[in-house]
Amino acid sequence: MTQKMLKFVDVQRETPEKRDAADRVQDFGEIYREYITEKAETQAARCSQCGVPYCQSGCPLHNNIPDWLKLTAEGRLEEAYEISQATNTFPEICGRICPQDRLCEGNCVIEQAGHGTVTIGAVEKYITDTAWEQGWVKPTKPKRERAESVGIIGAGPGGLAAADALRRKGFQVVVYDRYDRAGGLLVYGIPSFKLEKDAVSRRIDQLEQSGVKFKLNCTVGEDVSFTDLRASHAAVLIATGVYKTREVGGPGAGINGVVQALDYLTASNRVGFGDEVGAYEDGSLNAAGKNVVVIGGGDTAMDCVRTAVRQGATSVTCLYRRDRANMPGSQREVSNAEEEGVVFDWLSAPKAFFGDNRVTKVRAIRMRLGPPDATGRQSPEEVPNSEYDLDAQLAIQALGFEPEELPKLWGVEGLEVTRWGTIQADFRTKETSLPGVYAAGDIVRGASLVVWAIRDGREAADAIAKHIDAQAAVAAE
């Protein structure tokens, strides 16, 4: 059989075709087109099949990337999907939104050798999208049903990953979420041009067909007590994520038109679902015809600037207090935003907001990078007498998220938290200070990546299964 792999010397790296910027800003469709079969096989064949796969170690899920690249190159796509699905609950979602440039592709051996990384994310997306088209993705059918049930608080990626893993083990699973749709930030936080919502909804449908029950519009502490949840289930998993937004502060920060990123993105995504959103219709959370300033340098800020462009903003400027090399967001997303007309004002930070009934200007100040802080990262400091003004009828704060005070909100005693407010849980077992209560995802590690939430959810499911088995063994004695 002819060698299919190690083509990286002869075959150049080629990503899926990207829609022209002038075309893609007219809608919220995904910007990357799908690989055709021949292109996916050719690009997968560039993998060097190295003895120590750094791409795999660079992936939080430790996906068997060289294996499914080889199977793709050989045209064995159904097997490639099975290998991909074995370690990743949602490979088509990770293929779309993971910052591969910082994870698997950033650790690719041939990238380090100057040949250009294998397009791992695009191939991963292609494999699973093909699996859906071909009907290879099936509802879960456990080998045996278990009587024990597990309650999961939060229908984001961590909670959904845990729900899938627990159903495969035969447990009865109920997911509680305060929103009207399951998916968490996958649905309401991430724009459709990065993750079309059909990719999420079909996974939700699959979980429902597998026997997972969803109780939506259900707020713990209001519609159901945490005590009742513990009494109703053999174990409870807290996978709420972090939704409390950080404030810019400063003079005028409370004026109309200075809004939070999550409110803005949620409104946009709801409109995409066809929902009536009053704050969008009246212009409060709509960038159309406005000069927009977005404050922050993470992926949420990138989502905001690119959403504003699509809503028809007159101009979009991103203020970030550090330089491009030190921003936390994906460099790929920055490049996409620049192509779409976003202006990046590096080494700048807001000082005040001006306007009578609504914001009209943002006063900013130039920054410079000073000595490193305790983490080794250079601390930004203001440049004296460098203030300047930007016209703005909408200012969006995208400074990240913090945990809500869950013990207080839920009226729970004994649920310990860290000094950052995240739930304190064992690193290996995910168990909290309360017996039979586990926590996973951002509510434990702080705002992080979807892929980490998936890993945490899967690991929590394994720990919960062991806990329930141990309890059953004791009861049988």
Protein backbone atom coordinates (compact mmCIF):
# COMPACT_ATOMS: atom_id res chain seq x y z
CA MET A 1 0.00 0.00 0.00
CA THR A 2 1.36 3.43 -0.98
CA GLN A 3 2.49 5.57 1.95
CA LYS A 4 -0.27 8.11 2.60
CA MET A 5 1.45 10.17 5.29
CA LEU A 6 4.50 12.43 5.75
CA LYS A 7 3.52 14.66 2.81
CA PHE A 8 4.43 17.87 4.60
CA VAL A 9 7.52 18.50 2.45
CA ASP A 10 5.69 18.18 -0.88
CA VAL A 11 2.23 19.45 0.10
CA GLN A 12 1.78 22.98 1.38
CA ARG A 13 -0.50 23.83 4.28
CA GLU A 14 -3.90 24.90 3.00
CA THR A 15 -6.80 25.94 5.19
CA PRO A 16 -10.45 25.69 4.11
CA GLU A 17 -11.51 28.54 1.87
CA LYS A 18 -12.47 31.63 3.85
CA ARG A 19 -15.35 33.74 2.65
CA ASP A 20 -14.38 37.19 1.47
CA ALA A 21 -14.61 39.75 4.26
CA ALA A 22 -16.95 42.03 2.31
CA ASP A 23 -19.31 39.10 1.81
CA ARG A 24 -19.18 37.49 5.24
CA VAL A 25 -19.89 40.66 7.23
CA GLN A 26 -23.33 40.77 5.61
CA ASP A 27 -24.55 37.78 7.64
CA PHE A 28 -23.81 35.62 10.67
CA GLY A 29 -22.92 32.46 8.75
CA GLU A 30 -19.66 30.64 9.51
CA ILE A 31 -16.78 32.20 7.62
CA TYR A 32 -14.87 29.01 6.71
CA ARG A 33 -16.18 26.77 3.97
CA GLU A 34 -16.03 22.99 4.32
CA TYR A 35 -13.13 20.94 3.03
CA ILE A 36 -13.95 18.74 0.08
CA THR A 37 -13.01 15.10 0.65
CA GLU A 38 -9.87 15.16 -1.47
CA LYS A 39 -8.59 18.31 0.23
CA ALA A 40 -9.21 16.93 3.73
CA GLU A 41 -7.37 13.71 2.87
CA THR A 42 -4.45 15.61 1.35
CA GLN A 43 -4.10 17.97 4.31
CA ALA A 44 -4.39 15.13 6.83
CA ALA A 45 -1.62 13.32 4.94
CA ARG A 46 0.80 16.15 5.85
CA CYS A 47 0.99 14.73 9.40
CA SER A 48 4.50 13.48 10.18
CA GLN A 49 3.23 10.72 12.51
CA CYS A 50 5.97 11.69 14.91
CA GLY A 51 6.96 9.36 17.72
CA VAL A 52 6.06 11.89 20.41
CA PRO A 53 2.84 13.62 19.24
CA TYR A 54 3.11 17.07 20.78
CA CYS A 55 -0.22 17.98 19.18
CA GLN A 56 -1.83 15.35 21.39
CA SER A 57 -0.08 16.50 24.55
CA GLY A 58 -0.98 20.10 23.69
CA CYS A 59 -4.68 19.20 23.59
CA PRO A 60 -6.46 19.32 26.98
CA LEU A 61 -8.44 16.22 25.94
CA HIS A 62 -5.33 14.42 24.66
CA ASN A 63 -7.16 13.58 21.46
CA ASN A 64 -5.57 10.81 19.38
CA ILE A 65 -4.86 13.29 16.61
CA PRO A 66 -2.21 11.38 14.60
CA ASP A 67 -4.49 8.34 14.48
CA TRP A 68 -7.54 10.08 13.09
CA LEU A 69 -5.42 12.14 10.69
CA LYS A 70 -3.98 8.89 9.29
CA LEU A 71 -7.43 7.33 8.98
CA THR A 72 -8.71 10.45 7.21
CA ALA A 73 -5.80 10.37 4.76
CA GLU A 74 -6.68 6.73 4.01
CA GLY A 75 -10.35 7.57 3.43
CA ARG A 76 -11.49 5.65 6.53
CA LEU A 77 -13.66 8.46 7.85
CA GLU A 78 -16.09 6.46 9.96
CA GLU A 79 -13.16 4.97 11.88
CA ALA A 80 -11.62 8.43 12.15
CA TYR A 81 -14.85 9.68 13.69
CA GLU A 82 -14.94 6.84 16.21
CA ILE A 83 -11.38 7.62 17.31
CA SER A 84 -12.16 11.34 17.54
CA GLN A 85 -15.40 10.78 19.47
CA ALA A 86 -13.69 8.44 21.93
CA THR A 87 -11.88 11.30 23.67
CA ASN A 88 -13.98 14.33 22.73
CA THR A 89 -17.71 14.61 23.33
CA PHE A 90 -18.11 17.45 20.82
CA PRO A 91 -15.31 17.30 18.22
CA GLU A 92 -17.21 19.32 15.61
CA ILE A 93 -17.61 22.15 18.15
CA CYS A 94 -13.96 22.09 19.21
CA GLY A 95 -12.96 21.98 15.53
CA ARG A 96 -14.78 25.28 15.09
CA ILE A 97 -13.97 27.28 18.21
CA CYS A 98 -10.82 25.88 19.85
CA PRO A 99 -7.79 28.18 19.61
CA GLN A 100 -5.80 25.53 17.77
CA ASP A 101 -3.03 28.05 17.15
CA ARG A 102 -2.31 27.94 20.90
CA LEU A 103 -3.03 24.24 21.48
CA CYS A 104 -2.69 21.30 19.06
CA GLU A 105 -1.57 23.18 15.95
CA GLY A 106 0.70 25.43 17.98
CA ASN A 107 2.54 22.31 19.17
CA CYS A 108 2.72 20.58 15.78
CA VAL A 109 6.23 19.28 15.09
CA ILE A 110 6.28 20.26 11.42
CA GLU A 111 5.20 23.78 12.38
CA GLN A 112 8.31 24.01 14.54
CA ALA A 113 10.34 22.78 11.56
CA GLY A 114 9.02 25.57 9.36
CA HIS A 115 6.68 23.58 7.12
CA GLY A 116 3.40 24.98 8.42
CA THR A 117 1.21 23.14 10.89
CA VAL A 118 -1.27 20.46 9.94
CA THR A 119 -4.78 21.97 9.78
CA ILE A 120 -5.96 19.81 12.68
CA GLY A 121 -9.04 21.83 13.62
CA ALA A 122 -10.41 21.98 10.08
CA VAL A 123 -9.95 18.23 9.59
CA GLU A 124 -11.58 17.53 12.96
CA LYS A 125 -14.60 19.61 11.93
CA TYR A 126 -14.74 17.88 8.55
CA ILE A 127 -14.67 14.40 10.08
CA THR A 128 -17.58 15.00 12.45
CA ASP A 129 -19.70 17.05 10.03
CA THR A 130 -19.34 14.14 7.61
CA ALA A 131 -20.32 11.73 10.41
CA TRP A 132 -23.54 13.68 10.95
CA GLU A 133 -24.29 13.77 7.23
CA GLN A 134 -23.71 10.02 6.89
CA GLY A 135 -25.78 9.13 9.96
CA TRP A 136 -22.85 7.69 11.93
CA VAL A 137 -23.70 9.76 15.01
CA LYS A 138 -26.24 7.75 16.99
CA PRO A 139 -28.10 8.26 20.28
CA THR A 140 -26.45 6.50 23.19
CA LYS A 141 -27.76 3.06 24.14
CA PRO A 142 -26.20 1.95 27.43
CA LYS A 143 -25.40 -1.74 27.83
CA ARG A 144 -27.47 -1.67 31.00
CA GLU A 145 -29.66 0.87 32.71
CA ARG A 146 -28.85 2.02 36.23
CA ALA A 147 -31.51 3.06 38.73
CA GLU A 148 -29.32 5.79 40.22
CA SER A 149 -29.75 9.33 38.93
CA VAL A 150 -27.39 12.28 38.73
CA GLY A 151 -28.45 15.92 38.75
CA ILE A 152 -26.34 18.35 36.73
CA ILE A 153 -26.65 22.09 37.31
CA GLY A 154 -25.72 23.87 34.10
CA ALA A 155 -26.28 22.93 30.46
CA GLY A 156 -23.02 24.36 29.13
CA PRO A 157 -20.21 22.28 27.60
CA GLY A 158 -19.00 20.87 30.94
CA GLY A 159 -22.45 19.80 32.06
CA LEU A 160 -23.36 18.38 28.65
CA ALA A 161 -20.10 16.42 28.43
CA ALA A 162 -20.77 14.93 31.86
CA ALA A 163 -24.36 14.13 30.91
CA ASP A 164 -23.22 12.26 27.81
CA ALA A 165 -20.59 10.27 29.70
CA LEU A 166 -22.99 9.35 32.53
CA ARG A 167 -25.71 8.21 30.12
CA ARG A 168 -23.20 5.97 28.37
CA LYS A 169 -22.64 4.35 31.76
CA GLY A 170 -26.39 3.81 32.15
CA PHE A 171 -27.18 6.43 34.81
CA GLN A 172 -30.36 8.48 34.73
CA VAL A 173 -29.39 12.10 34.10
CA VAL A 174 -31.31 15.32 34.68
CA VAL A 175 -29.78 18.64 33.60
CA TYR A 176 -31.08 21.83 35.23
CA ASP A 177 -30.47 25.19 33.56
CA ARG A 178 -31.81 28.68 34.18
CA TYR A 179 -32.00 29.57 30.50
CA ASP A 180 -34.68 28.61 28.00
CA ARG A 181 -32.24 26.75 25.75
CA ALA A 182 -29.54 24.25 26.63
CA GLY A 183 -25.97 24.97 25.57
CA GLY A 184 -24.85 27.80 27.85
CA LEU A 185 -22.29 30.08 26.21
CA LEU A 186 -22.24 27.79 23.16
CA VAL A 187 -25.74 29.07 22.43
CA TYR A 188 -25.88 32.59 23.85
CA GLY A 189 -22.24 33.65 24.16
CA ILE A 190 -20.48 32.54 20.97
CA PRO A 191 -21.71 34.16 17.72
CA SER A 192 -22.98 32.04 14.85
CA PHE A 193 -20.17 33.13 12.52
CA LYS A 194 -17.89 31.01 14.72
CA LEU A 195 -20.37 28.34 15.74
CA GLU A 196 -23.62 27.94 13.85
CA LYS A 197 -26.31 26.95 16.33
CA ASP A 198 -27.40 23.86 14.39
CA ALA A 199 -24.10 22.28 15.47
CA VAL A 200 -25.15 22.69 19.10
CA SER A 201 -28.86 21.91 18.79
CA ARG A 202 -28.25 18.58 17.07
CA ARG A 203 -26.04 17.53 20.00
CA ILE A 204 -28.78 18.56 22.44
CA ASP A 205 -31.27 16.51 20.41
CA GLN A 206 -28.89 13.54 20.48
CA LEU A 207 -28.61 13.76 24.27
CA GLU A 208 -32.39 13.93 24.64
CA GLN A 209 -32.79 10.92 22.37
CA SER A 210 -30.21 9.16 24.54
CA GLY A 211 -32.40 9.68 27.59
CA VAL A 212 -30.96 12.83 29.16
CA LYS A 213 -33.73 14.98 30.63
CA PHE A 214 -33.53 18.76 30.56
CA LYS A 215 -35.32 21.06 33.00
CA LEU A 216 -34.93 24.52 31.50
CA ASN A 217 -35.99 27.90 32.88
CA CYS A 218 -35.10 26.36 36.21
CA THR A 219 -33.08 28.50 38.60
CA VAL A 220 -31.54 26.71 41.55
CA GLY A 221 -32.40 28.54 44.75
CA GLU A 222 -35.67 29.81 43.28
CA ASP A 223 -37.48 27.12 41.28
CA VAL A 224 -35.80 24.24 43.08
CA SER A 225 -33.64 24.19 46.19
CA PHE A 226 -30.15 22.78 46.25
CA THR A 227 -31.17 20.64 49.22
CA ASP A 228 -34.00 19.07 47.21
CA LEU A 229 -31.61 18.37 44.33
CA ARG A 230 -29.25 16.51 46.64
CA ALA A 231 -32.14 14.52 48.05
CA SER A 232 -33.42 13.65 44.55
CA HIS A 233 -30.16 12.34 43.13
CA ALA A 234 -27.36 9.96 44.05
CA ALA A 235 -24.90 12.72 43.14
CA VAL A 236 -24.99 16.33 41.97
CA LEU A 237 -22.58 18.06 39.59
CA ILE A 238 -22.21 21.84 39.63
CA ALA A 239 -21.30 23.00 36.12
CA THR A 240 -22.75 26.49 36.06
CA GLY A 241 -19.83 28.25 34.44
CA VAL A 242 -19.01 31.84 35.40
CA TYR A 243 -21.37 34.61 34.35
CA LYS A 244 -20.66 37.55 36.64
CA THR A 245 -19.08 40.21 34.45
CA ARG A 246 -16.19 42.47 35.41
CA GLU A 247 -16.80 46.20 35.42
CA VAL A 248 -14.54 48.83 33.87
CA GLY A 249 -15.41 51.40 36.52
CA GLY A 250 -14.40 55.05 36.35
CA PRO A 251 -16.43 58.22 35.79
CA GLY A 252 -19.52 57.67 33.66
CA ALA A 253 -19.29 53.88 33.66
CA GLY A 254 -22.97 53.59 34.59
CA ILE A 255 -24.26 55.77 31.77
CA ASN A 256 -26.65 54.37 29.15
CA GLY A 257 -24.83 52.81 26.25
CA VAL A 258 -22.03 51.35 28.38
CA VAL A 259 -23.02 47.68 28.32
CA GLN A 260 -21.70 44.26 29.24
CA ALA A 261 -20.41 41.89 26.56
CA LEU A 262 -22.59 38.97 27.60
CA ASP A 263 -25.77 41.06 27.49
CA TYR A 264 -24.80 42.30 24.05
CA LEU A 265 -23.90 38.88 22.64
CA THR A 266 -26.94 37.19 24.16
CA ALA A 267 -29.25 39.75 22.58
CA SER A 268 -27.61 39.22 19.18
CA ASN A 269 -27.85 35.44 19.43
CA ARG A 270 -31.47 35.59 20.55
CA VAL A 271 -32.29 37.71 17.51
CA GLY A 272 -30.60 35.02 15.42
CA PHE A 273 -33.01 32.48 16.92
CA GLY A 274 -35.95 34.70 15.95
CA ASP A 275 -36.69 35.86 19.49
CA GLU A 276 -38.13 39.30 20.17
CA VAL A 277 -35.51 41.29 22.07
CA GLY A 278 -36.69 44.71 23.22
CA ALA A 279 -33.21 45.99 24.02
CA TYR A 280 -32.12 45.14 20.49
CA GLU A 281 -35.14 46.73 18.85
CA ASP A 282 -34.78 49.99 20.77
CA GLY A 283 -31.07 50.17 19.93
CA SER A 284 -29.71 49.63 23.44
CA LEU A 285 -27.93 46.41 22.43
CA ASN A 286 -27.70 47.03 18.71
CA ALA A 287 -24.60 48.48 17.04
CA ALA A 288 -26.33 49.56 13.81
CA GLY A 289 -25.26 53.06 12.78
CA LYS A 290 -23.11 53.59 15.86
CA ASN A 291 -19.45 54.21 16.60
CA VAL A 292 -18.62 51.24 18.82
CA VAL A 293 -15.77 50.87 21.31
CA VAL A 294 -15.06 47.43 22.75
CA ILE A 295 -12.85 47.19 25.84
CA GLY A 296 -10.83 44.00 26.28
CA GLY A 297 -8.44 41.69 24.46
CA GLY A 298 -9.86 38.20 24.90
CA ASP A 299 -11.98 36.02 22.66
CA THR A 300 -15.17 37.59 24.05
CA ALA A 301 -13.95 41.00 22.90
CA MET A 302 -13.27 39.53 19.46
CA ASP A 303 -16.80 38.15 19.37
CA CYS A 304 -18.16 41.60 20.21
CA VAL A 305 -16.19 43.57 17.63
CA ARG A 306 -17.07 41.13 14.85
CA THR A 307 -20.73 41.08 15.87
CA ALA A 308 -20.83 44.89 15.81
CA VAL A 309 -19.48 44.93 12.27
CA ARG A 310 -22.23 42.55 11.15
CA GLN A 311 -24.90 44.65 12.83
CA GLY A 312 -23.87 47.60 10.68
CA ALA A 313 -21.76 49.71 13.03
CA THR A 314 -20.31 52.89 11.55
CA SER A 315 -16.93 52.11 13.13
CA VAL A 316 -15.59 49.53 15.56
CA THR A 317 -12.53 50.12 17.75
CA CYS A 318 -11.04 47.67 20.22
CA LEU A 319 -9.15 49.08 23.21
CA TYR A 320 -6.65 46.78 24.86
CA ARG A 321 -4.20 47.82 27.56
CA ARG A 322 -1.37 45.55 26.39
CA ASP A 323 0.13 44.99 22.94
CA ARG A 324 -0.82 42.42 20.34
CA ALA A 325 1.81 39.91 21.44
CA ASN A 326 0.43 39.89 24.98
CA MET A 327 -3.28 39.69 24.29
CA PRO A 328 -5.09 36.57 25.58
CA GLY A 329 -7.36 36.13 22.57
CA SER A 330 -6.71 34.03 19.49
CA GLN A 331 -4.44 35.68 16.92
CA ARG A 332 -6.57 34.05 14.23
CA GLU A 333 -9.60 35.93 15.53
CA VAL A 334 -7.67 39.21 15.58
CA SER A 335 -6.70 38.71 11.94
CA ASN A 336 -10.31 37.91 11.00
CA ALA A 337 -11.48 41.05 12.79
CA GLU A 338 -8.90 43.23 11.05
CA GLU A 339 -9.99 41.86 7.68
CA GLU A 340 -13.53 42.86 8.57
CA GLY A 341 -12.58 46.47 9.31
CA VAL A 342 -12.06 46.49 13.08
CA VAL A 343 -9.44 48.98 14.35
CA PHE A 344 -7.25 47.80 17.23
CA ASP A 345 -5.96 50.48 19.57
CA TRP A 346 -3.19 48.60 21.37
CA LEU A 347 -1.71 49.81 24.64
CA SER A 348 -4.80 51.87 25.45
CA ALA A 349 -7.30 51.79 28.31
CA PRO A 350 -10.52 53.67 29.12
CA LYS A 351 -10.48 56.41 31.73
CA ALA A 352 -14.02 57.83 31.58
CA PHE A 353 -17.29 57.86 29.64
CA PHE A 354 -19.11 61.03 28.63
CA GLY A 355 -22.66 61.82 27.58
CA ASP A 356 -25.87 63.27 28.93
CA ASN A 357 -28.53 60.60 28.52
CA ARG A 358 -26.31 58.22 26.60
CA VAL A 359 -22.61 57.74 26.02
CA THR A 360 -21.11 59.90 23.27
CA LYS A 361 -17.38 59.66 23.99
CA VAL A 362 -14.87 57.36 25.61
CA ARG A 363 -11.80 59.00 27.10
CA ALA A 364 -8.80 56.70 26.82
CA ILE A 365 -5.18 56.89 27.87
CA ARG A 366 -2.05 55.42 26.33
CA MET A 367 -0.34 52.60 28.19
CA ARG A 368 3.13 51.11 28.24
CA LEU A 369 4.39 47.77 29.52
CA GLY A 370 6.34 48.06 32.75
CA PRO A 371 8.18 45.54 34.91
CA PRO A 372 6.86 41.97 35.13
CA ASP A 373 4.32 41.13 37.83
CA ALA A 374 4.33 38.01 40.04
CA THR A 375 3.32 35.85 37.06
CA GLY A 376 6.18 37.13 34.92
CA ARG A 377 3.86 39.11 32.66
CA GLN A 378 4.66 42.78 32.08
CA SER A 379 2.26 45.07 33.91
CA PRO A 380 0.62 47.86 31.91
CA GLU A 381 1.04 51.36 33.28
CA GLU A 382 -0.35 54.69 32.14
CA VAL A 383 1.64 57.13 30.06
CA PRO A 384 1.22 60.53 31.75
CA ASN A 385 -0.69 63.25 29.86
CA SER A 386 -1.62 60.92 26.98
CA GLU A 387 -5.43 61.05 27.21
CA TYR A 388 -7.49 61.20 24.03
CA ASP A 389 -11.19 60.88 23.13
CA LEU A 390 -13.04 58.43 20.90
CA ASP A 391 -16.56 58.98 19.56
CA ALA A 392 -18.79 56.20 20.83
CA GLN A 393 -22.54 55.66 20.97
CA LEU A 394 -22.02 52.12 22.28
CA ALA A 395 -19.23 51.00 24.62
CA ILE A 396 -18.99 47.28 25.33
CA GLN A 397 -17.12 45.96 28.37
CA ALA A 398 -15.49 42.62 27.57
CA LEU A 399 -13.16 42.20 30.53
CA GLY A 400 -13.96 38.58 31.36
CA PHE A 401 -16.14 36.77 33.84
CA GLU A 402 -16.11 35.93 37.53
CA PRO A 403 -18.06 33.34 39.54
CA GLU A 404 -21.33 34.18 41.20
CA GLU A 405 -21.64 33.65 44.95
CA LEU A 406 -23.33 30.27 44.63
CA PRO A 407 -23.41 29.32 48.33
CA LYS A 408 -25.18 32.60 49.07
CA LEU A 409 -27.49 32.43 46.04
CA TRP A 410 -28.46 28.85 46.79
CA GLY A 411 -28.55 29.15 50.56
CA VAL A 412 -26.02 26.33 50.95
CA GLU A 413 -23.90 25.85 54.04
CA GLY A 414 -20.62 23.98 53.86
CA LEU A 415 -19.96 24.48 50.14
CA GLU A 416 -16.45 25.88 50.25
CA VAL A 417 -15.09 28.35 47.73
CA THR A 418 -11.60 29.62 46.94
CA ARG A 419 -10.42 33.18 47.51
CA TRP A 420 -11.42 33.88 43.88
CA GLY A 421 -14.98 32.72 44.54
CA THR A 422 -14.72 29.55 42.48
CA ILE A 423 -15.98 26.27 43.94
CA GLN A 424 -13.25 24.40 45.78
CA ALA A 425 -13.03 20.89 44.36
CA ASP A 426 -10.50 18.08 44.42
CA PHE A 427 -8.25 18.34 41.37
CA ARG A 428 -8.55 14.63 40.57
CA THR A 429 -12.04 13.64 41.67
CA LYS A 430 -13.85 16.99 41.25
CA GLU A 431 -15.60 16.36 44.59
CA THR A 432 -16.44 19.44 46.64
CA SER A 433 -16.54 19.88 50.41
CA LEU A 434 -20.05 18.37 50.38
CA PRO A 435 -20.26 14.57 50.04
CA GLY A 436 -21.72 13.48 46.72
CA VAL A 437 -21.48 16.99 45.27
CA TYR A 438 -19.02 17.58 42.44
CA ALA A 439 -18.01 20.62 40.41
CA ALA A 440 -16.41 20.97 36.98
CA GLY A 441 -15.54 23.52 34.33
CA ASP A 442 -15.23 27.27 34.72
CA ILE A 443 -16.92 27.33 38.12
CA VAL A 444 -13.82 25.51 39.40
CA ARG A 445 -10.96 26.74 37.20
CA GLY A 446 -12.29 30.22 36.37
CA ALA A 447 -13.16 31.50 32.90
CA SER A 448 -11.42 29.20 30.46
CA LEU A 449 -11.81 27.32 27.19
CA VAL A 450 -14.67 25.08 26.09
CA VAL A 451 -12.25 22.20 25.58
CA TRP A 452 -11.20 22.37 29.24
CA ALA A 453 -14.84 22.32 30.34
CA ILE A 454 -15.41 19.19 28.24
CA ARG A 455 -12.43 17.49 29.83
CA ASP A 456 -13.55 18.44 33.33
CA GLY A 457 -17.09 17.21 32.66
CA ARG A 458 -15.88 13.85 31.41
CA GLU A 459 -13.54 13.41 34.36
CA ALA A 460 -16.28 14.38 36.80
CA ALA A 461 -18.58 11.77 35.24
CA ASP A 462 -15.96 9.07 35.85
CA ALA A 463 -15.52 10.16 39.47
CA ILE A 464 -19.28 10.28 40.06
CA ALA A 465 -19.67 6.77 38.66
CA LYS A 466 -16.99 5.48 41.03
CA HIS A 467 -18.65 7.25 43.94
CA ILE A 468 -22.06 5.73 43.19
CA ASP A 469 -20.54 2.27 42.72
CA ALA A 470 -18.77 2.59 46.06
CA GLN A 471 -21.99 3.63 47.76
CA ALA A 472 -23.82 0.71 46.21
CA ALA A 473 -21.11 -1.69 47.39
CA VAL A 474 -21.42 -0.41 50.94
CA ALA A 475 -25.20 -0.72 50.86
CA ALA A 476 -24.92 -4.30 49.61
CA GLU A 477 -22.72 -5.39 52.52
